Amino acid sequence: MTAAYIIRIIGRVFFGPVPEEFADHLHDVRVLDKVALVLLSGILIAIGVFPSLMVPMVQSGVEKVMSLLGGA
């Protein structure tokens, strides 16, 4: 039941007609938007393939929280 309702809403939001009040605000994707998308996607893929790039930053915060909670 929930899936049917959500699919209906997704259809309205993404594939329905654009209200007149927002029609003037829409434009094609610009080059800067594409550059940002490629840059962020590249960073996410790099972190996924090489997680050791993030370990030092995450580890310092995790160690502090674990010491507060009585962990390692």
PDB file of N, CA and C in Angstrom:
ATOM      1  N   MET A   1       0.833  -1.183   0.000  1.00  0.00           N
ATOM      2  CA  MET A   1       0.000   0.000   0.000  1.00  0.00           C
ATOM      3  C   MET A   1       0.880   1.250   0.000  1.00  0.00           C
ATOM      4  N   THR A   2       1.899   1.245   0.835  1.00  0.00           N
ATOM      5  CA  THR A   2       2.794   2.403   0.914  1.00  0.00           C
ATOM      6  C   THR A   2       3.553   2.594  -0.392  1.00  0.00           C
ATOM      7  N   ALA A   3       4.017   1.509  -0.988  1.00  0.00           N
ATOM      8  CA  ALA A   3       4.749   1.600  -2.250  1.00  0.00           C
ATOM      9  C   ALA A   3       3.875   2.212  -3.337  1.00  0.00           C
ATOM     10  N   ALA A   4       2.628   1.833  -3.403  1.00  0.00           N
ATOM     11  CA  ALA A   4       1.721   2.382  -4.412  1.00  0.00           C
ATOM     12  C   ALA A   4       1.533   3.879  -4.203  1.00  0.00           C
ATOM     13  N   TYR A   5       1.389   4.297  -2.980  1.00  0.00           N
ATOM     14  CA  TYR A   5       1.204   5.713  -2.687  1.00  0.00           C
ATOM     15  C   TYR A   5       2.469   6.506  -3.040  1.00  0.00           C
ATOM     16  N   ILE A   6       3.634   5.977  -2.671  1.00  0.00           N
ATOM     17  CA  ILE A   6       4.891   6.678  -2.946  1.00  0.00           C
ATOM     18  C   ILE A   6       5.145   6.747  -4.446  1.00  0.00           C
ATOM     19  N   ILE A   7       4.860   5.678  -5.181  1.00  0.00           N
ATOM     20  CA  ILE A   7       5.051   5.701  -6.632  1.00  0.00           C
ATOM     21  C   ILE A   7       4.143   6.752  -7.265  1.00  0.00           C
ATOM     22  N   ARG A   8       2.945   6.889  -6.758  1.00  0.00           N
ATOM     23  CA  ARG A   8       2.023   7.912  -7.270  1.00  0.00           C
ATOM     24  C   ARG A   8       2.579   9.316  -7.029  1.00  0.00           C
ATOM     25  N   ILE A   9       3.101   9.563  -5.843  1.00  0.00           N
ATOM     26  CA  ILE A   9       3.673  10.871  -5.516  1.00  0.00           C
ATOM     27  C   ILE A   9       4.911  11.146  -6.360  1.00  0.00           C
ATOM     28  N   ILE A  10       5.771  10.150  -6.531  1.00  0.00           N
ATOM     29  CA  ILE A  10       6.973  10.326  -7.353  1.00  0.00           C
ATOM     30  C   ILE A  10       6.576  10.670  -8.791  1.00  0.00           C
ATOM     31  N   GLY A  11       5.551  10.027  -9.296  1.00  0.00           N
ATOM     32  CA  GLY A  11       5.062  10.334 -10.641  1.00  0.00           C
ATOM     33  C   GLY A  11       4.594  11.765 -10.759  1.00  0.00           C
ATOM     34  N   ARG A  12       3.899  12.258  -9.750  1.00  0.00           N
ATOM     35  CA  ARG A  12       3.431  13.650  -9.785  1.00  0.00           C
ATOM     36  C   ARG A  12       4.580  14.642  -9.687  1.00  0.00           C
ATOM     37  N   VAL A  13       5.524  14.373  -8.792  1.00  0.00           N
ATOM     38  CA  VAL A  13       6.605  15.319  -8.546  1.00  0.00           C
ATOM     39  C   VAL A  13       7.576  15.376  -9.717  1.00  0.00           C
ATOM     40  N   PHE A  14       8.009  14.238 -10.208  1.00  0.00           N
ATOM     41  CA  PHE A  14       9.058  14.215 -11.214  1.00  0.00           C
ATOM     42  C   PHE A  14       8.534  14.211 -12.652  1.00  0.00           C
ATOM     43  N   PHE A  15       7.348  13.700 -12.874  1.00  0.00           N
ATOM     44  CA  PHE A  15       6.860  13.550 -14.239  1.00  0.00           C
ATOM     45  C   PHE A  15       5.575  14.321 -14.507  1.00  0.00           C
ATOM     46  N   GLY A  16       5.072  15.031 -13.535  1.00  0.00           N
ATOM     47  CA  GLY A  16       3.845  15.793 -13.709  1.00  0.00           C
ATOM     48  C   GLY A  16       4.102  17.143 -14.366  1.00  0.00           C
ATOM     49  N   PRO A  17       3.052  17.871 -14.662  1.00  0.00           N
ATOM     50  CA  PRO A  17       3.217  19.188 -15.280  1.00  0.00           C
ATOM     51  C   PRO A  17       3.838  20.176 -14.292  1.00  0.00           C
ATOM     52  N   VAL A  18       4.587  21.139 -14.841  1.00  0.00           N
ATOM     53  CA  VAL A  18       5.235  22.158 -14.020  1.00  0.00           C
ATOM     54  C   VAL A  18       4.226  23.271 -13.754  1.00  0.00           C
ATOM     55  N   PRO A  19       4.033  23.659 -12.484  1.00  0.00           N
ATOM     56  CA  PRO A  19       3.124  24.775 -12.200  1.00  0.00           C
ATOM     57  C   PRO A  19       3.616  26.065 -12.859  1.00  0.00           C
ATOM     58  N   GLU A  20       2.689  26.907 -13.263  1.00  0.00           N
ATOM     59  CA  GLU A  20       3.021  28.151 -13.959  1.00  0.00           C
ATOM     60  C   GLU A  20       3.948  29.049 -13.146  1.00  0.00           C
ATOM     61  N   GLU A  21       3.795  29.066 -11.839  1.00  0.00           N
ATOM     62  CA  GLU A  21       4.610  29.951 -11.001  1.00  0.00           C
ATOM     63  C   GLU A  21       6.086  29.571 -11.002  1.00  0.00           C
ATOM     64  N   PHE A  22       6.398  28.320 -11.353  1.00  0.00           N
ATOM     65  CA  PHE A  22       7.789  27.875 -11.377  1.00  0.00           C
ATOM     66  C   PHE A  22       8.347  27.742 -12.794  1.00  0.00           C
ATOM     67  N   ALA A  23       7.533  27.917 -13.802  1.00  0.00           N
ATOM     68  CA  ALA A  23       7.967  27.696 -15.182  1.00  0.00           C
ATOM     69  C   ALA A  23       9.089  28.650 -15.589  1.00  0.00           C
ATOM     70  N   ASP A  24       9.093  29.872 -15.081  1.00  0.00           N
ATOM     71  CA  ASP A  24      10.121  30.849 -15.455  1.00  0.00           C
ATOM     72  C   ASP A  24      11.463  30.572 -14.791  1.00  0.00           C
ATOM     73  N   HIS A  25      11.484  29.771 -13.742  1.00  0.00           N
ATOM     74  CA  HIS A  25      12.713  29.517 -12.990  1.00  0.00           C
ATOM     75  C   HIS A  25      13.512  28.333 -13.528  1.00  0.00           C
ATOM     76  N   LEU A  26      12.947  27.588 -14.439  1.00  0.00           N
ATOM     77  CA  LEU A  26      13.635  26.404 -14.964  1.00  0.00           C
ATOM     78  C   LEU A  26      14.537  26.782 -16.130  1.00  0.00           C
ATOM     79  N   HIS A  27      15.698  26.149 -16.174  1.00  0.00           N
ATOM     80  CA  HIS A  27      16.626  26.367 -17.275  1.00  0.00           C
ATOM     81  C   HIS A  27      17.419  25.088 -17.503  1.00  0.00           C
ATOM     82  N   ASP A  28      18.104  25.028 -18.618  1.00  0.00           N
ATOM     83  CA  ASP A  28      18.927  23.862 -18.917  1.00  0.00           C
ATOM     84  C   ASP A  28      20.128  23.807 -17.972  1.00  0.00           C
ATOM     85  N   VAL A  29      20.709  22.628 -17.864  1.00  0.00           N
ATOM     86  CA  VAL A  29      21.884  22.450 -17.018  1.00  0.00           C
ATOM     87  C   VAL A  29      23.048  23.219 -17.634  1.00  0.00           C
ATOM     88  N   ARG A  30      23.702  24.014 -16.812  1.00  0.00           N
ATOM     89  CA  ARG A  30      24.820  24.830 -17.284  1.00  0.00           C
ATOM     90  C   ARG A  30      26.126  24.073 -17.099  1.00  0.00           C
ATOM     91  N   VAL A  31      27.179  24.590 -17.712  1.00  0.00           N
ATOM     92  CA  VAL A  31      28.496  23.946 -17.646  1.00  0.00           C
ATOM     93  C   VAL A  31      28.988  23.886 -16.203  1.00  0.00           C
ATOM     94  N   LEU A  32      28.787  24.946 -15.440  1.00  0.00           N
ATOM     95  CA  LEU A  32      29.228  24.959 -14.045  1.00  0.00           C
ATOM     96  C   LEU A  32      28.519  23.885 -13.220  1.00  0.00           C
ATOM     97  N   ASP A  33      27.256  23.652 -13.516  1.00  0.00           N
ATOM     98  CA  ASP A  33      26.520  22.582 -12.829  1.00  0.00           C
ATOM     99  C   ASP A  33      27.122  21.220 -13.144  1.00  0.00           C
ATOM    100  N   LYS A  34      27.477  21.013 -14.403  1.00  0.00           N
ATOM    101  CA  LYS A  34      28.085  19.746 -14.805  1.00  0.00           C
ATOM    102  C   LYS A  34      29.452  19.549 -14.155  1.00  0.00           C
ATOM    103  N   VAL A  35      30.231  20.633 -14.062  1.00  0.00           N
ATOM    104  CA  VAL A  35      31.549  20.554 -13.424  1.00  0.00           C
ATOM    105  C   VAL A  35      31.398  20.163 -11.963  1.00  0.00           C
ATOM    106  N   ALA A  36      30.452  20.782 -11.268  1.00  0.00           N
ATOM    107  CA  ALA A  36      30.221  20.460  -9.858  1.00  0.00           C
ATOM    108  C   ALA A  36      29.793  19.005  -9.698  1.00  0.00           C
ATOM    109  N   LEU A  37      28.921  18.532 -10.568  1.00  0.00           N
ATOM    110  CA  LEU A  37      28.451  17.147 -10.494  1.00  0.00           C
ATOM    111  C   LEU A  37      29.588  16.157 -10.719  1.00  0.00           C
ATOM    112  N   VAL A  38      30.428  16.427 -11.718  1.00  0.00           N
ATOM    113  CA  VAL A  38      31.554  15.537 -12.004  1.00  0.00           C
ATOM    114  C   VAL A  38      32.562  15.560 -10.863  1.00  0.00           C
ATOM    115  N   LEU A  39      32.839  16.738 -10.320  1.00  0.00           N
ATOM    116  CA  LEU A  39      33.803  16.864  -9.222  1.00  0.00           C
ATOM    117  C   LEU A  39      33.328  16.112  -7.979  1.00  0.00           C
ATOM    118  N   LEU A  40      32.084  16.330  -7.587  1.00  0.00           N
ATOM    119  CA  LEU A  40      31.565  15.649  -6.400  1.00  0.00           C
ATOM    120  C   LEU A  40      31.459  14.141  -6.617  1.00  0.00           C
ATOM    121  N   SER A  41      31.065  13.726  -7.807  1.00  0.00           N
ATOM    122  CA  SER A  41      30.991  12.294  -8.107  1.00  0.00           C
ATOM    123  C   SER A  41      32.378  11.663  -8.054  1.00  0.00           C
ATOM    124  N   GLY A  42      33.370  12.364  -8.585  1.00  0.00           N
ATOM    125  CA  GLY A  42      34.742  11.854  -8.538  1.00  0.00           C
ATOM    126  C   GLY A  42      35.249  11.697  -7.122  1.00  0.00           C
ATOM    127  N   ILE A  43      34.934  12.672  -6.270  1.00  0.00           N
ATOM    128  CA  ILE A  43      35.353  12.587  -4.864  1.00  0.00           C
ATOM    129  C   ILE A  43      34.689  11.393  -4.183  1.00  0.00           C
ATOM    130  N   LEU A  44      33.395  11.205  -4.417  1.00  0.00           N
ATOM    131  CA  LEU A  44      32.689  10.082  -3.793  1.00  0.00           C
ATOM    132  C   LEU A  44      33.220   8.732  -4.280  1.00  0.00           C
ATOM    133  N   ILE A  45      33.513   8.639  -5.559  1.00  0.00           N
ATOM    134  CA  ILE A  45      34.061   7.384  -6.094  1.00  0.00           C
ATOM    135  C   ILE A  45      35.453   7.126  -5.527  1.00  0.00           C
ATOM    136  N   ALA A  46      36.274   8.179  -5.434  1.00  0.00           N
ATOM    137  CA  ALA A  46      37.623   8.020  -4.884  1.00  0.00           C
ATOM    138  C   ALA A  46      37.577   7.558  -3.433  1.00  0.00           C
ATOM    139  N   ILE A  47      36.683   8.119  -2.649  1.00  0.00           N
ATOM    140  CA  ILE A  47      36.565   7.706  -1.246  1.00  0.00           C
ATOM    141  C   ILE A  47      36.036   6.277  -1.154  1.00  0.00           C
ATOM    142  N   GLY A  48      35.145   5.898  -2.078  1.00  0.00           N
ATOM    143  CA  GLY A  48      34.630   4.526  -2.077  1.00  0.00           C
ATOM    144  C   GLY A  48      35.688   3.506  -2.454  1.00  0.00           C
ATOM    145  N   VAL A  49      36.545   3.861  -3.407  1.00  0.00           N
ATOM    146  CA  VAL A  49      37.580   2.930  -3.859  1.00  0.00           C
ATOM    147  C   VAL A  49      38.770   2.926  -2.908  1.00  0.00           C
ATOM    148  N   PHE A  50      39.114   4.105  -2.388  1.00  0.00           N
ATOM    149  CA  PHE A  50      40.251   4.241  -1.467  1.00  0.00           C
ATOM    150  C   PHE A  50      39.782   4.828  -0.131  1.00  0.00           C
ATOM    151  N   PRO A  51      39.113   4.037   0.703  1.00  0.00           N
ATOM    152  CA  PRO A  51      38.598   4.569   1.970  1.00  0.00           C
ATOM    153  C   PRO A  51      39.702   5.005   2.933  1.00  0.00           C
ATOM    154  N   SER A  52      40.919   4.546   2.693  1.00  0.00           N
ATOM    155  CA  SER A  52      42.017   4.937   3.584  1.00  0.00           C
ATOM    156  C   SER A  52      42.305   6.431   3.497  1.00  0.00           C
ATOM    157  N   LEU A  53      41.786   7.103   2.473  1.00  0.00           N
ATOM    158  CA  LEU A  53      41.946   8.557   2.386  1.00  0.00           C
ATOM    159  C   LEU A  53      41.191   9.270   3.505  1.00  0.00           C
ATOM    160  N   MET A  54      40.091   8.695   3.952  1.00  0.00           N
ATOM    161  CA  MET A  54      39.247   9.326   4.971  1.00  0.00           C
ATOM    162  C   MET A  54      39.492   8.798   6.382  1.00  0.00           C
ATOM    163  N   VAL A  55      40.134   7.669   6.505  1.00  0.00           N
ATOM    164  CA  VAL A  55      40.286   7.028   7.818  1.00  0.00           C
ATOM    165  C   VAL A  55      40.925   7.942   8.861  1.00  0.00           C
ATOM    166  N   PRO A  56      42.011   8.648   8.572  1.00  0.00           N
ATOM    167  CA  PRO A  56      42.606   9.495   9.621  1.00  0.00           C
ATOM    168  C   PRO A  56      41.658  10.576  10.138  1.00  0.00           C
ATOM    169  N   MET A  57      40.876  11.176   9.250  1.00  0.00           N
ATOM    170  CA  MET A  57      39.942  12.223   9.688  1.00  0.00           C
ATOM    171  C   MET A  57      38.817  11.652  10.531  1.00  0.00           C
ATOM    172  N   VAL A  58      38.289  10.522  10.137  1.00  0.00           N
ATOM    173  CA  VAL A  58      37.179   9.912  10.859  1.00  0.00           C
ATOM    174  C   VAL A  58      37.661   9.285  12.159  1.00  0.00           C
ATOM    175  N   GLN A  59      38.833   8.694  12.143  1.00  0.00           N
ATOM    176  CA  GLN A  59      39.337   7.973  13.300  1.00  0.00           C
ATOM    177  C   GLN A  59      39.546   8.896  14.501  1.00  0.00           C
ATOM    178  N   SER A  60      40.037  10.111  14.266  1.00  0.00           N
ATOM    179  CA  SER A  60      40.274  11.021  15.390  1.00  0.00           C
ATOM    180  C   SER A  60      38.965  11.370  16.100  1.00  0.00           C
ATOM    181  N   GLY A  61      37.906  11.572  15.354  1.00  0.00           N
ATOM    182  CA  GLY A  61      36.615  11.864  15.971  1.00  0.00           C
ATOM    183  C   GLY A  61      36.008  10.663  16.654  1.00  0.00           C
ATOM    184  N   VAL A  62      36.153   9.509  16.043  1.00  0.00           N
ATOM    185  CA  VAL A  62      35.589   8.285  16.616  1.00  0.00           C
ATOM    186  C   VAL A  62      36.286   7.922  17.918  1.00  0.00           C
ATOM    187  N   GLU A  63      37.594   8.116  17.982  1.00  0.00           N
ATOM    188  CA  GLU A  63      38.329   7.796  19.215  1.00  0.00           C
ATOM    189  C   GLU A  63      37.841   8.645  20.379  1.00  0.00           C
ATOM    190  N   LYS A  64      37.545   9.910  20.153  1.00  0.00           N
ATOM    191  CA  LYS A  64      37.053  10.784  21.218  1.00  0.00           C
ATOM    192  C   LYS A  64      35.690  10.336  21.702  1.00  0.00           C
ATOM    193  N   VAL A  65      34.801   9.989  20.768  1.00  0.00           N
ATOM    194  CA  VAL A  65      33.471   9.526  21.143  1.00  0.00           C
ATOM    195  C   VAL A  65      33.553   8.198  21.876  1.00  0.00           C
ATOM    196  N   MET A  66      34.389   7.300  21.387  1.00  0.00           N
ATOM    197  CA  MET A  66      34.521   5.996  22.058  1.00  0.00           C
ATOM    198  C   MET A  66      35.070   6.141  23.462  1.00  0.00           C
ATOM    199  N   SER A  67      35.996   7.066  23.688  1.00  0.00           N
ATOM    200  CA  SER A  67      36.526   7.249  25.042  1.00  0.00           C
ATOM    201  C   SER A  67      35.453   7.807  25.958  1.00  0.00           C
ATOM    202  N   LEU A  68      34.571   8.640  25.455  1.00  0.00           N
ATOM    203  CA  LEU A  68      33.465   9.168  26.271  1.00  0.00           C
ATOM    204  C   LEU A  68      32.456   8.083  26.617  1.00  0.00           C
ATOM    205  N   LEU A  69      32.284   7.148  25.712  1.00  0.00           N
ATOM    206  CA  LEU A  69      31.325   6.074  25.928  1.00  0.00           C
ATOM    207  C   LEU A  69      31.920   4.885  26.656  1.00  0.00           C
ATOM    208  N   GLY A  70      33.211   4.946  26.964  1.00  0.00           N
ATOM    209  CA  GLY A  70      33.856   3.866  27.699  1.00  0.00           C
ATOM    210  C   GLY A  70      34.362   2.763  26.800  1.00  0.00           C
ATOM    211  N   GLY A  71      34.484   3.034  25.517  1.00  0.00           N
ATOM    212  CA  GLY A  71      34.956   2.020  24.579  1.00  0.00           C
ATOM    213  C   GLY A  71      36.479   2.033  24.507  1.00  0.00           C
ATOM    214  N   ALA A  72      36.991   1.471  23.462  1.00  0.00           N
ATOM    215  CA  ALA A  72      38.430   1.295  23.273  1.00  0.00           C
ATOM    216  C   ALA A  72      39.187   2.567  23.364  1.00  0.00           C
TER     217      ALA A  72
END
